[in-house]
Amino acid sequence: NDFDISKLRYDKIVIMADADVDGAHISTLLLTLFYRFMPELI
């Protein structure tokens, strides 16, 4: 575990994708990344 939440440079990480199927897929891929490798962010 190399994750240290105290070093986070931004209070808000905002996923900004189009409101369509491709945008929803991109959002899901990003959320999967955050949940599996940076869960403290969530």
PDB file of all heavy atoms in Angstrom:
ATOM      1  N   ASN A   1       0.841  -1.194   0.000  1.00  0.00           N
ATOM      2  CA  ASN A   1       0.000   0.000   0.000  1.00  0.00           C
ATOM      3  C   ASN A   1       0.869   1.235   0.000  1.00  0.00           C
ATOM      4  O   ASN A   1       1.519   1.549   0.991  1.00  0.00           O
ATOM      5  CB  ASN A   1      -0.917  -0.005   1.231  1.00  0.00           C
ATOM      6  CG  ASN A   1      -2.014   1.022   1.091  1.00  0.00           C
ATOM      7  OD1 ASN A   1      -1.902   1.972   0.319  1.00  0.00           O
ATOM      8  ND2 ASN A   1      -3.087   0.839   1.833  1.00  0.00           N
ATOM      9  N   ASP A   2       0.883   1.913  -1.144  1.00  0.00           N
ATOM     10  CA  ASP A   2       1.652   3.147  -1.268  1.00  0.00           C
ATOM     11  C   ASP A   2       0.739   4.359  -1.244  1.00  0.00           C
ATOM     12  O   ASP A   2       1.146   5.451  -1.613  1.00  0.00           O
ATOM     13  CB  ASP A   2       2.448   3.142  -2.591  1.00  0.00           C
ATOM     14  CG  ASP A   2       3.465   2.014  -2.615  1.00  0.00           C
ATOM     15  OD1 ASP A   2       4.038   1.729  -1.562  1.00  0.00           O
ATOM     16  OD2 ASP A   2       3.666   1.426  -3.686  1.00  0.00           O
ATOM     17  N   PHE A   3      -0.506   4.161  -0.853  1.00  0.00           N
ATOM     18  CA  PHE A   3      -1.485   5.243  -0.914  1.00  0.00           C
ATOM     19  C   PHE A   3      -1.460   6.059   0.373  1.00  0.00           C
ATOM     20  O   PHE A   3      -1.504   5.516   1.466  1.00  0.00           O
ATOM     21  CB  PHE A   3      -2.881   4.667  -1.129  1.00  0.00           C
ATOM     22  CG  PHE A   3      -3.925   5.720  -1.395  1.00  0.00           C
ATOM     23  CD1 PHE A   3      -4.163   6.156  -2.685  1.00  0.00           C
ATOM     24  CD2 PHE A   3      -4.663   6.264  -0.358  1.00  0.00           C
ATOM     25  CE1 PHE A   3      -5.115   7.122  -2.945  1.00  0.00           C
ATOM     26  CE2 PHE A   3      -5.621   7.227  -0.605  1.00  0.00           C
ATOM     27  CZ  PHE A   3      -5.848   7.654  -1.902  1.00  0.00           C
ATOM     28  N   ASP A   4      -1.407   7.396   0.235  1.00  0.00           N
ATOM     29  CA  ASP A   4      -1.412   8.295   1.388  1.00  0.00           C
ATOM     30  C   ASP A   4      -2.386   9.430   1.090  1.00  0.00           C
ATOM     31  O   ASP A   4      -2.080  10.359   0.345  1.00  0.00           O
ATOM     32  CB  ASP A   4      -0.002   8.843   1.641  1.00  0.00           C
ATOM     33  CG  ASP A   4       0.074   9.710   2.896  1.00  0.00           C
ATOM     34  OD1 ASP A   4      -0.986   9.987   3.495  1.00  0.00           O
ATOM     35  OD2 ASP A   4       1.192  10.118   3.268  1.00  0.00           O
ATOM     36  N   ILE A   5      -3.576   9.350   1.677  1.00  0.00           N
ATOM     37  CA  ILE A   5      -4.631  10.321   1.390  1.00  0.00           C
ATOM     38  C   ILE A   5      -4.232  11.737   1.782  1.00  0.00           C
ATOM     39  O   ILE A   5      -4.728  12.712   1.209  1.00  0.00           O
ATOM     40  CB  ILE A   5      -5.939   9.902   2.111  1.00  0.00           C
ATOM     41  CG1 ILE A   5      -7.155  10.696   1.581  1.00  0.00           C
ATOM     42  CG2 ILE A   5      -5.816  10.086   3.609  1.00  0.00           C
ATOM     43  CD1 ILE A   5      -7.598  10.317   0.222  1.00  0.00           C
ATOM     44  N   SER A   6      -3.321  11.873   2.734  1.00  0.00           N
ATOM     45  CA  SER A   6      -2.914  13.214   3.180  1.00  0.00           C
ATOM     46  C   SER A   6      -2.158  13.975   2.094  1.00  0.00           C
ATOM     47  O   SER A   6      -2.021  15.197   2.165  1.00  0.00           O
ATOM     48  CB  SER A   6      -2.050  13.119   4.445  1.00  0.00           C
ATOM     49  OG  SER A   6      -0.804  12.509   4.158  1.00  0.00           O
ATOM     50  N   LYS A   7      -1.670  13.261   1.078  1.00  0.00           N
ATOM     51  CA  LYS A   7      -0.928  13.905  -0.005  1.00  0.00           C
ATOM     52  C   LYS A   7      -1.808  14.263  -1.200  1.00  0.00           C
ATOM     53  O   LYS A   7      -1.309  14.767  -2.212  1.00  0.00           O
ATOM     54  CB  LYS A   7       0.213  12.991  -0.468  1.00  0.00           C
ATOM     55  CG  LYS A   7       1.272  12.758   0.612  1.00  0.00           C
ATOM     56  CD  LYS A   7       2.377  11.854   0.099  1.00  0.00           C
ATOM     57  CE  LYS A   7       3.441  11.622   1.175  1.00  0.00           C
ATOM     58  NZ  LYS A   7       4.514  10.718   0.702  1.00  0.00           N
ATOM     59  N   LEU A   8      -3.109  14.012  -1.097  1.00  0.00           N
ATOM     60  CA  LEU A   8      -4.021  14.318  -2.189  1.00  0.00           C
ATOM     61  C   LEU A   8      -4.008  15.813  -2.488  1.00  0.00           C
ATOM     62  O   LEU A   8      -4.138  16.640  -1.589  1.00  0.00           O
ATOM     63  CB  LEU A   8      -5.445  13.868  -1.819  1.00  0.00           C
ATOM     64  CG  LEU A   8      -6.527  14.111  -2.870  1.00  0.00           C
ATOM     65  CD1 LEU A   8      -6.249  13.311  -4.133  1.00  0.00           C
ATOM     66  CD2 LEU A   8      -7.903  13.754  -2.297  1.00  0.00           C
ATOM     67  N   ARG A   9      -3.856  16.168  -3.763  1.00  0.00           N
ATOM     68  CA  ARG A   9      -3.695  17.570  -4.149  1.00  0.00           C
ATOM     69  C   ARG A   9      -5.023  18.278  -4.415  1.00  0.00           C
ATOM     70  O   ARG A   9      -5.042  19.491  -4.614  1.00  0.00           O
ATOM     71  CB  ARG A   9      -2.816  17.661  -5.401  1.00  0.00           C
ATOM     72  CG  ARG A   9      -1.382  17.190  -5.169  1.00  0.00           C
ATOM     73  CD  ARG A   9      -0.560  17.395  -6.429  1.00  0.00           C
ATOM     74  NE  ARG A   9       0.844  17.083  -6.189  1.00  0.00           N
ATOM     75  CZ  ARG A   9       1.520  16.151  -6.837  1.00  0.00           C
ATOM     76  NH1 ARG A   9       0.919  15.439  -7.761  1.00  0.00           N
ATOM     77  NH2 ARG A   9       2.799  15.937  -6.575  1.00  0.00           N
ATOM     78  N   TYR A  10      -6.120  17.518  -4.458  1.00  0.00           N
ATOM     79  CA  TYR A  10      -7.412  18.112  -4.793  1.00  0.00           C
ATOM     80  C   TYR A  10      -8.488  17.584  -3.850  1.00  0.00           C
ATOM     81  O   TYR A  10      -8.574  16.380  -3.597  1.00  0.00           O
ATOM     82  CB  TYR A  10      -7.807  17.770  -6.242  1.00  0.00           C
ATOM     83  CG  TYR A  10      -6.747  18.115  -7.258  1.00  0.00           C
ATOM     84  CD1 TYR A  10      -5.830  17.148  -7.677  1.00  0.00           C
ATOM     85  CD2 TYR A  10      -6.645  19.395  -7.776  1.00  0.00           C
ATOM     86  CE1 TYR A  10      -4.841  17.453  -8.600  1.00  0.00           C
ATOM     87  CE2 TYR A  10      -5.667  19.715  -8.701  1.00  0.00           C
ATOM     88  CZ  TYR A  10      -4.756  18.742  -9.107  1.00  0.00           C
ATOM     89  OH  TYR A  10      -3.784  19.050 -10.010  1.00  0.00           O
ATOM     90  N   ASP A  11      -9.334  18.492  -3.374  1.00  0.00           N
ATOM     91  CA  ASP A  11     -10.432  18.068  -2.512  1.00  0.00           C
ATOM     92  C   ASP A  11     -11.520  17.361  -3.309  1.00  0.00           C
ATOM     93  O   ASP A  11     -12.157  16.442  -2.815  1.00  0.00           O
ATOM     94  CB  ASP A  11     -11.034  19.282  -1.793  1.00  0.00           C
ATOM     95  CG  ASP A  11     -12.153  18.898  -0.863  1.00  0.00           C
ATOM     96  OD1 ASP A  11     -11.881  18.183   0.122  1.00  0.00           O
ATOM     97  OD2 ASP A  11     -13.312  19.288  -1.123  1.00  0.00           O
ATOM     98  N   LYS A  12     -11.725  17.798  -4.545  1.00  0.00           N
ATOM     99  CA  LYS A  12     -12.747  17.180  -5.393  1.00  0.00           C
ATOM    100  C   LYS A  12     -12.107  16.637  -6.657  1.00  0.00           C
ATOM    101  O   LYS A  12     -11.383  17.346  -7.353  1.00  0.00           O
ATOM    102  CB  LYS A  12     -13.839  18.198  -5.768  1.00  0.00           C
ATOM    103  CG  LYS A  12     -14.766  18.593  -4.632  1.00  0.00           C
ATOM    104  CD  LYS A  12     -15.863  19.536  -5.136  1.00  0.00           C
ATOM    105  CE  LYS A  12     -16.879  19.839  -4.042  1.00  0.00           C
ATOM    106  NZ  LYS A  12     -16.280  20.587  -2.933  1.00  0.00           N
ATOM    107  N   ILE A  13     -12.374  15.365  -6.950  1.00  0.00           N
ATOM    108  CA  ILE A  13     -12.005  14.741  -8.215  1.00  0.00           C
ATOM    109  C   ILE A  13     -13.307  14.517  -8.963  1.00  0.00           C
ATOM    110  O   ILE A  13     -14.150  13.720  -8.537  1.00  0.00           O
ATOM    111  CB  ILE A  13     -11.259  13.421  -7.995  1.00  0.00           C
ATOM    112  CG1 ILE A  13      -9.943  13.677  -7.239  1.00  0.00           C
ATOM    113  CG2 ILE A  13     -10.997  12.716  -9.318  1.00  0.00           C
ATOM    114  CD1 ILE A  13      -9.259  12.413  -6.769  1.00  0.00           C
ATOM    115  N   VAL A  14     -13.501  15.240 -10.064  1.00  0.00           N
ATOM    116  CA  VAL A  14     -14.788  15.252 -10.753  1.00  0.00           C
ATOM    117  C   VAL A  14     -14.659  14.543 -12.097  1.00  0.00           C
ATOM    118  O   VAL A  14     -13.856  14.949 -12.949  1.00  0.00           O
ATOM    119  CB  VAL A  14     -15.292  16.688 -10.962  1.00  0.00           C
ATOM    120  CG1 VAL A  14     -16.690  16.664 -11.576  1.00  0.00           C
ATOM    121  CG2 VAL A  14     -15.299  17.462  -9.648  1.00  0.00           C
ATOM    122  N   ILE A  15     -15.439  13.486 -12.284  1.00  0.00           N
ATOM    123  CA  ILE A  15     -15.493  12.795 -13.573  1.00  0.00           C
ATOM    124  C   ILE A  15     -16.483  13.548 -14.458  1.00  0.00           C
ATOM    125  O   ILE A  15     -17.651  13.702 -14.114  1.00  0.00           O
ATOM    126  CB  ILE A  15     -15.945  11.332 -13.394  1.00  0.00           C
ATOM    127  CG1 ILE A  15     -14.958  10.578 -12.499  1.00  0.00           C
ATOM    128  CG2 ILE A  15     -16.083  10.645 -14.739  1.00  0.00           C
ATOM    129  CD1 ILE A  15     -15.442   9.195 -12.092  1.00  0.00           C
ATOM    130  N   MET A  16     -15.994  14.032 -15.596  1.00  0.00           N
ATOM    131  CA  MET A  16     -16.832  14.855 -16.477  1.00  0.00           C
ATOM    132  C   MET A  16     -16.912  14.166 -17.828  1.00  0.00           C
ATOM    133  O   MET A  16     -16.044  14.334 -18.691  1.00  0.00           O
ATOM    134  CB  MET A  16     -16.238  16.263 -16.601  1.00  0.00           C
ATOM    135  CG  MET A  16     -17.221  17.305 -17.081  1.00  0.00           C
ATOM    136  SD  MET A  16     -16.662  18.997 -16.721  1.00  0.00           S
ATOM    137  CE  MET A  16     -15.526  19.287 -18.061  1.00  0.00           C
ATOM    138  N   ALA A  17     -17.965  13.357 -18.017  1.00  0.00           N
ATOM    139  CA  ALA A  17     -18.126  12.590 -19.252  1.00  0.00           C
ATOM    140  C   ALA A  17     -19.455  12.935 -19.897  1.00  0.00           C
ATOM    141  O   ALA A  17     -20.365  13.459 -19.253  1.00  0.00           O
ATOM    142  CB  ALA A  17     -18.055  11.091 -18.958  1.00  0.00           C
ATOM    143  N   ASP A  18     -19.578  12.616 -21.186  1.00  0.00           N
ATOM    144  CA  ASP A  18     -20.818  12.885 -21.903  1.00  0.00           C
ATOM    145  C   ASP A  18     -21.961  12.074 -21.317  1.00  0.00           C
ATOM    146  O   ASP A  18     -21.763  10.984 -20.760  1.00  0.00           O
ATOM    147  CB  ASP A  18     -20.658  12.530 -23.386  1.00  0.00           C
ATOM    148  CG  ASP A  18     -19.705  13.471 -24.101  1.00  0.00           C
ATOM    149  OD1 ASP A  18     -19.459  14.573 -23.567  1.00  0.00           O
ATOM    150  OD2 ASP A  18     -19.200  13.102 -25.177  1.00  0.00           O
ATOM    151  N   ALA A  19     -23.187  12.587 -21.478  1.00  0.00           N
ATOM    152  CA  ALA A  19     -24.377  11.919 -20.950  1.00  0.00           C
ATOM    153  C   ALA A  19     -24.905  10.911 -21.970  1.00  0.00           C
ATOM    154  O   ALA A  19     -26.052  10.975 -22.405  1.00  0.00           O
ATOM    155  CB  ALA A  19     -25.440  12.953 -20.610  1.00  0.00           C
ATOM    156  N   ASP A  20     -24.048   9.951 -22.370  1.00  0.00           N
ATOM    157  CA  ASP A  20     -24.470   8.909 -23.293  1.00  0.00           C
ATOM    158  C   ASP A  20     -23.850   7.587 -22.847  1.00  0.00           C
ATOM    159  O   ASP A  20     -23.206   7.502 -21.794  1.00  0.00           O
ATOM    160  CB  ASP A  20     -24.076   9.249 -24.734  1.00  0.00           C
ATOM    161  CG  ASP A  20     -22.573   9.496 -24.895  1.00  0.00           C
ATOM    162  OD1 ASP A  20     -21.792   9.090 -24.002  1.00  0.00           O
ATOM    163  OD2 ASP A  20     -22.174  10.092 -25.917  1.00  0.00           O
ATOM    164  N   VAL A  21     -24.042   6.537 -23.642  1.00  0.00           N
ATOM    165  CA  VAL A  21     -23.562   5.207 -23.255  1.00  0.00           C
ATOM    166  C   VAL A  21     -22.046   5.189 -23.113  1.00  0.00           C
ATOM    167  O   VAL A  21     -21.497   4.637 -22.148  1.00  0.00           O
ATOM    168  CB  VAL A  21     -24.024   4.155 -24.289  1.00  0.00           C
ATOM    169  CG1 VAL A  21     -23.387   2.804 -23.980  1.00  0.00           C
ATOM    170  CG2 VAL A  21     -25.540   4.039 -24.284  1.00  0.00           C
ATOM    171  N   ASP A  22     -21.332   5.795 -24.072  1.00  0.00           N
ATOM    172  CA  ASP A  22     -19.871   5.830 -23.995  1.00  0.00           C
ATOM    173  C   ASP A  22     -19.404   6.597 -22.759  1.00  0.00           C
ATOM    174  O   ASP A  22     -18.453   6.196 -22.078  1.00  0.00           O
ATOM    175  CB  ASP A  22     -19.281   6.468 -25.256  1.00  0.00           C
ATOM    176  CG  ASP A  22     -19.295   5.520 -26.440  1.00  0.00           C
ATOM    177  OD1 ASP A  22     -19.390   4.296 -26.209  1.00  0.00           O
ATOM    178  OD2 ASP A  22     -19.223   5.988 -27.583  1.00  0.00           O
ATOM    179  N   GLY A  23     -20.075   7.721 -22.473  1.00  0.00           N
ATOM    180  CA  GLY A  23     -19.719   8.494 -21.288  1.00  0.00           C
ATOM    181  C   GLY A  23     -19.936   7.708 -20.010  1.00  0.00           C
ATOM    182  O   GLY A  23     -19.119   7.754 -19.075  1.00  0.00           O
ATOM    183  N   ALA A  24     -21.052   6.961 -19.949  1.00  0.00           N
ATOM    184  CA  ALA A  24     -21.330   6.133 -18.774  1.00  0.00           C
ATOM    185  C   ALA A  24     -20.276   5.043 -18.615  1.00  0.00           C
ATOM    186  O   ALA A  24     -19.853   4.723 -17.497  1.00  0.00           O
ATOM    187  CB  ALA A  24     -22.720   5.518 -18.892  1.00  0.00           C
ATOM    188  N   HIS A  25     -19.815   4.474 -19.739  1.00  0.00           N
ATOM    189  CA  HIS A  25     -18.788   3.430 -19.675  1.00  0.00           C
ATOM    190  C   HIS A  25     -17.465   4.001 -19.175  1.00  0.00           C
ATOM    191  O   HIS A  25     -16.780   3.388 -18.344  1.00  0.00           O
ATOM    192  CB  HIS A  25     -18.604   2.799 -21.055  1.00  0.00           C
ATOM    193  CG  HIS A  25     -17.782   1.551 -21.024  1.00  0.00           C
ATOM    194  ND1 HIS A  25     -17.182   1.016 -22.137  1.00  0.00           N
ATOM    195  CD2 HIS A  25     -17.439   0.729 -19.998  1.00  0.00           C
ATOM    196  CE1 HIS A  25     -16.509  -0.073 -21.813  1.00  0.00           C
ATOM    197  NE2 HIS A  25     -16.643  -0.273 -20.519  1.00  0.00           N
ATOM    198  N   ILE A  26     -17.110   5.194 -19.666  1.00  0.00           N
ATOM    199  CA  ILE A  26     -15.881   5.847 -19.204  1.00  0.00           C
ATOM    200  C   ILE A  26     -15.953   6.117 -17.703  1.00  0.00           C
ATOM    201  O   ILE A  26     -14.999   5.859 -16.957  1.00  0.00           O
ATOM    202  CB  ILE A  26     -15.638   7.146 -19.993  1.00  0.00           C
ATOM    203  CG1 ILE A  26     -15.256   6.813 -21.441  1.00  0.00           C
ATOM    204  CG2 ILE A  26     -14.548   7.999 -19.340  1.00  0.00           C
ATOM    205  CD1 ILE A  26     -15.300   8.002 -22.377  1.00  0.00           C
ATOM    206  N   SER A  27     -17.102   6.623 -17.246  1.00  0.00           N
ATOM    207  CA  SER A  27     -17.276   6.882 -15.812  1.00  0.00           C
ATOM    208  C   SER A  27     -17.133   5.601 -15.010  1.00  0.00           C
ATOM    209  O   SER A  27     -16.492   5.576 -13.953  1.00  0.00           O
ATOM    210  CB  SER A  27     -18.651   7.511 -15.555  1.00  0.00           C
ATOM    211  OG  SER A  27     -18.762   8.771 -16.173  1.00  0.00           O
ATOM    212  N   THR A  28     -17.713   4.510 -15.503  1.00  0.00           N
ATOM    213  CA  THR A  28     -17.649   3.228 -14.795  1.00  0.00           C
ATOM    214  C   THR A  28     -16.218   2.713 -14.718  1.00  0.00           C
ATOM    215  O   THR A  28     -15.781   2.195 -13.680  1.00  0.00           O
ATOM    216  CB  THR A  28     -18.548   2.194 -15.492  1.00  0.00           C
ATOM    217  OG1 THR A  28     -19.879   2.701 -15.567  1.00  0.00           O
ATOM    218  CG2 THR A  28     -18.570   0.882 -14.723  1.00  0.00           C
ATOM    219  N   LEU A  29     -15.467   2.854 -15.821  1.00  0.00           N
ATOM    220  CA  LEU A  29     -14.067   2.414 -15.819  1.00  0.00           C
ATOM    221  C   LEU A  29     -13.251   3.217 -14.809  1.00  0.00           C
ATOM    222  O   LEU A  29     -12.416   2.657 -14.080  1.00  0.00           O
ATOM    223  CB  LEU A  29     -13.470   2.565 -17.218  1.00  0.00           C
ATOM    224  CG  LEU A  29     -13.976   1.581 -18.282  1.00  0.00           C
ATOM    225  CD1 LEU A  29     -13.547   2.029 -19.670  1.00  0.00           C
ATOM    226  CD2 LEU A  29     -13.480   0.166 -17.999  1.00  0.00           C
ATOM    227  N   LEU A  30     -13.485   4.524 -14.742  1.00  0.00           N
ATOM    228  CA  LEU A  30     -12.763   5.364 -13.779  1.00  0.00           C
ATOM    229  C   LEU A  30     -13.143   5.013 -12.349  1.00  0.00           C
ATOM    230  O   LEU A  30     -12.279   4.915 -11.464  1.00  0.00           O
ATOM    231  CB  LEU A  30     -13.055   6.838 -14.054  1.00  0.00           C
ATOM    232  CG  LEU A  30     -12.378   7.434 -15.298  1.00  0.00           C
ATOM    233  CD1 LEU A  30     -12.989   8.778 -15.645  1.00  0.00           C
ATOM    234  CD2 LEU A  30     -10.872   7.572 -15.087  1.00  0.00           C
ATOM    235  N   LEU A  31     -14.440   4.788 -12.104  1.00  0.00           N
ATOM    236  CA  LEU A  31     -14.878   4.419 -10.756  1.00  0.00           C
ATOM    237  C   LEU A  31     -14.302   3.067 -10.341  1.00  0.00           C
ATOM    238  O   LEU A  31     -13.963   2.859  -9.181  1.00  0.00           O
ATOM    239  CB  LEU A  31     -16.407   4.396 -10.686  1.00  0.00           C
ATOM    240  CG  LEU A  31     -17.095   5.765 -10.768  1.00  0.00           C
ATOM    241  CD1 LEU A  31     -18.603   5.599 -10.852  1.00  0.00           C
ATOM    242  CD2 LEU A  31     -16.721   6.629  -9.572  1.00  0.00           C
ATOM    243  N   THR A  32     -14.197   2.137 -11.291  1.00  0.00           N
ATOM    244  CA  THR A  32     -13.584   0.840 -10.993  1.00  0.00           C
ATOM    245  C   THR A  32     -12.123   1.018 -10.601  1.00  0.00           C
ATOM    246  O   THR A  32     -11.641   0.398  -9.647  1.00  0.00           O
ATOM    247  CB  THR A  32     -13.693  -0.098 -12.212  1.00  0.00           C
ATOM    248  OG1 THR A  32     -15.059  -0.224 -12.588  1.00  0.00           O
ATOM    249  CG2 THR A  32     -13.135  -1.481 -11.889  1.00  0.00           C
ATOM    250  N   LEU A  33     -11.400   1.876 -11.319  1.00  0.00           N
ATOM    251  CA  LEU A  33     -10.006   2.171 -10.977  1.00  0.00           C
ATOM    252  C   LEU A  33      -9.910   2.740  -9.562  1.00  0.00           C
ATOM    253  O   LEU A  33      -9.099   2.274  -8.752  1.00  0.00           O
ATOM    254  CB  LEU A  33      -9.432   3.166 -11.980  1.00  0.00           C
ATOM    255  CG  LEU A  33      -8.064   3.776 -11.623  1.00  0.00           C
ATOM    256  CD1 LEU A  33      -6.975   2.712 -11.688  1.00  0.00           C
ATOM    257  CD2 LEU A  33      -7.736   4.947 -12.550  1.00  0.00           C
ATOM    258  N   PHE A  34     -10.737   3.737  -9.259  1.00  0.00           N
ATOM    259  CA  PHE A  34     -10.675   4.360  -7.936  1.00  0.00           C
ATOM    260  C   PHE A  34     -11.037   3.357  -6.836  1.00  0.00           C
ATOM    261  O   PHE A  34     -10.388   3.311  -5.791  1.00  0.00           O
ATOM    262  CB  PHE A  34     -11.628   5.563  -7.867  1.00  0.00           C
ATOM    263  CG  PHE A  34     -11.278   6.671  -8.813  1.00  0.00           C
ATOM    264  CD1 PHE A  34     -12.239   7.587  -9.225  1.00  0.00           C
ATOM    265  CD2 PHE A  34      -9.993   6.817  -9.311  1.00  0.00           C
ATOM    266  CE1 PHE A  34     -11.929   8.615 -10.100  1.00  0.00           C
ATOM    267  CE2 PHE A  34      -9.668   7.844 -10.192  1.00  0.00           C
ATOM    268  CZ  PHE A  34     -10.635   8.731 -10.591  1.00  0.00           C
ATOM    269  N   TYR A  35     -12.079   2.554  -7.069  1.00  0.00           N
ATOM    270  CA  TYR A  35     -12.548   1.622  -6.034  1.00  0.00           C
ATOM    271  C   TYR A  35     -11.522   0.535  -5.744  1.00  0.00           C
ATOM    272  O   TYR A  35     -11.324   0.141  -4.597  1.00  0.00           O
ATOM    273  CB  TYR A  35     -13.883   1.009  -6.451  1.00  0.00           C
ATOM    274  CG  TYR A  35     -14.426   0.039  -5.435  1.00  0.00           C
ATOM    275  CD1 TYR A  35     -14.775   0.468  -4.161  1.00  0.00           C
ATOM    276  CD2 TYR A  35     -14.576  -1.313  -5.738  1.00  0.00           C
ATOM    277  CE1 TYR A  35     -15.259  -0.418  -3.218  1.00  0.00           C
ATOM    278  CE2 TYR A  35     -15.063  -2.203  -4.805  1.00  0.00           C
ATOM    279  CZ  TYR A  35     -15.407  -1.751  -3.543  1.00  0.00           C
ATOM    280  OH  TYR A  35     -15.874  -2.643  -2.603  1.00  0.00           O
ATOM    281  N   ARG A  36     -10.870   0.049  -6.788  1.00  0.00           N
ATOM    282  CA  ARG A  36      -9.928  -1.062  -6.591  1.00  0.00           C
ATOM    283  C   ARG A  36      -8.545  -0.597  -6.123  1.00  0.00           C
ATOM    284  O   ARG A  36      -7.878  -1.304  -5.375  1.00  0.00           O
ATOM    285  CB  ARG A  36      -9.777  -1.857  -7.894  1.00  0.00           C
ATOM    286  CG  ARG A  36     -10.989  -2.681  -8.262  1.00  0.00           C
ATOM    287  CD  ARG A  36     -11.397  -3.636  -7.177  1.00  0.00           C
ATOM    288  NE  ARG A  36     -12.433  -4.570  -7.600  1.00  0.00           N
ATOM    289  CZ  ARG A  36     -13.183  -5.264  -6.781  1.00  0.00           C
ATOM    290  NH1 ARG A  36     -13.047  -5.123  -5.471  1.00  0.00           N
ATOM    291  NH2 ARG A  36     -14.107  -6.096  -7.231  1.00  0.00           N
ATOM    292  N   PHE A  37      -8.112   0.605  -6.554  1.00  0.00           N
ATOM    293  CA  PHE A  37      -6.737   1.014  -6.277  1.00  0.00           C
ATOM    294  C   PHE A  37      -6.618   2.275  -5.426  1.00  0.00           C
ATOM    295  O   PHE A  37      -5.540   2.549  -4.912  1.00  0.00           O
ATOM    296  CB  PHE A  37      -5.971   1.210  -7.597  1.00  0.00           C
ATOM    297  CG  PHE A  37      -5.718  -0.070  -8.335  1.00  0.00           C
ATOM    298  CD1 PHE A  37      -6.615  -0.530  -9.282  1.00  0.00           C
ATOM    299  CD2 PHE A  37      -4.602  -0.838  -8.059  1.00  0.00           C
ATOM    300  CE1 PHE A  37      -6.400  -1.715  -9.949  1.00  0.00           C
ATOM    301  CE2 PHE A  37      -4.376  -2.033  -8.716  1.00  0.00           C
ATOM    302  CZ  PHE A  37      -5.270  -2.473  -9.668  1.00  0.00           C
ATOM    303  N   MET A  38      -7.687   3.018  -5.272  1.00  0.00           N
ATOM    304  CA  MET A  38      -7.662   4.224  -4.434  1.00  0.00           C
ATOM    305  C   MET A  38      -8.994   4.359  -3.678  1.00  0.00           C
ATOM    306  O   MET A  38      -9.661   5.389  -3.755  1.00  0.00           O
ATOM    307  CB  MET A  38      -7.432   5.478  -5.287  1.00  0.00           C
ATOM    308  CG  MET A  38      -6.268   5.396  -6.255  1.00  0.00           C
ATOM    309  SD  MET A  38      -6.200   6.876  -7.312  1.00  0.00           S
ATOM    310  CE  MET A  38      -5.139   6.265  -8.640  1.00  0.00           C
ATOM    311  N   PRO A  39      -9.425   3.326  -2.966  1.00  0.00           N
ATOM    312  CA  PRO A  39     -10.772   3.347  -2.375  1.00  0.00           C
ATOM    313  C   PRO A  39     -10.989   4.470  -1.377  1.00  0.00           C
ATOM    314  O   PRO A  39     -12.117   4.937  -1.205  1.00  0.00           O
ATOM    315  CB  PRO A  39     -10.875   1.969  -1.698  1.00  0.00           C
ATOM    316  CG  PRO A  39      -9.454   1.535  -1.484  1.00  0.00           C
ATOM    317  CD  PRO A  39      -8.687   2.089  -2.642  1.00  0.00           C
ATOM    318  N   GLU A  40      -9.912   4.930  -0.713  1.00  0.00           N
ATOM    319  CA  GLU A  40     -10.076   6.013   0.259  1.00  0.00           C
ATOM    320  C   GLU A  40     -10.614   7.280  -0.395  1.00  0.00           C
ATOM    321  O   GLU A  40     -11.291   8.090   0.257  1.00  0.00           O
ATOM    322  CB  GLU A  40      -8.744   6.321   0.963  1.00  0.00           C
ATOM    323  CG  GLU A  40      -8.276   5.226   1.907  1.00  0.00           C
ATOM    324  CD  GLU A  40      -7.385   4.207   1.214  1.00  0.00           C
ATOM    325  OE1 GLU A  40      -7.448   4.122  -0.042  1.00  0.00           O
ATOM    326  OE2 GLU A  40      -6.631   3.506   1.901  1.00  0.00           O
ATOM    327  N   LEU A  41     -10.317   7.479  -1.682  1.00  0.00           N
ATOM    328  CA  LEU A  41     -10.852   8.646  -2.381  1.00  0.00           C
ATOM    329  C   LEU A  41     -12.380   8.653  -2.324  1.00  0.00           C
ATOM    330  O   LEU A  41     -13.009   9.695  -2.137  1.00  0.00           O
ATOM    331  CB  LEU A  41     -10.401   8.653  -3.844  1.00  0.00           C
ATOM    332  CG  LEU A  41      -8.914   8.861  -4.130  1.00  0.00           C
ATOM    333  CD1 LEU A  41      -8.670   8.822  -5.633  1.00  0.00           C
ATOM    334  CD2 LEU A  41      -8.405  10.158  -3.540  1.00  0.00           C
ATOM    335  N   ILE A  42     -12.978   7.472  -2.477  1.00  0.00           N
ATOM    336  CA  ILE A  42     -14.437   7.367  -2.450  1.00  0.00           C
ATOM    337  C   ILE A  42     -14.951   7.396  -1.021  1.00  0.00           C
ATOM    338  O   ILE A  42     -15.885   8.140  -0.693  1.00  0.00           O
ATOM    339  CB  ILE A  42     -14.901   6.086  -3.169  1.00  0.00           C
ATOM    340  CG1 ILE A  42     -14.462   6.114  -4.643  1.00  0.00           C
ATOM    341  CG2 ILE A  42     -16.411   5.931  -3.060  1.00  0.00           C
ATOM    342  CD1 ILE A  42     -14.796   4.861  -5.418  1.00  0.00           C
TER     343      ILE A  42
END
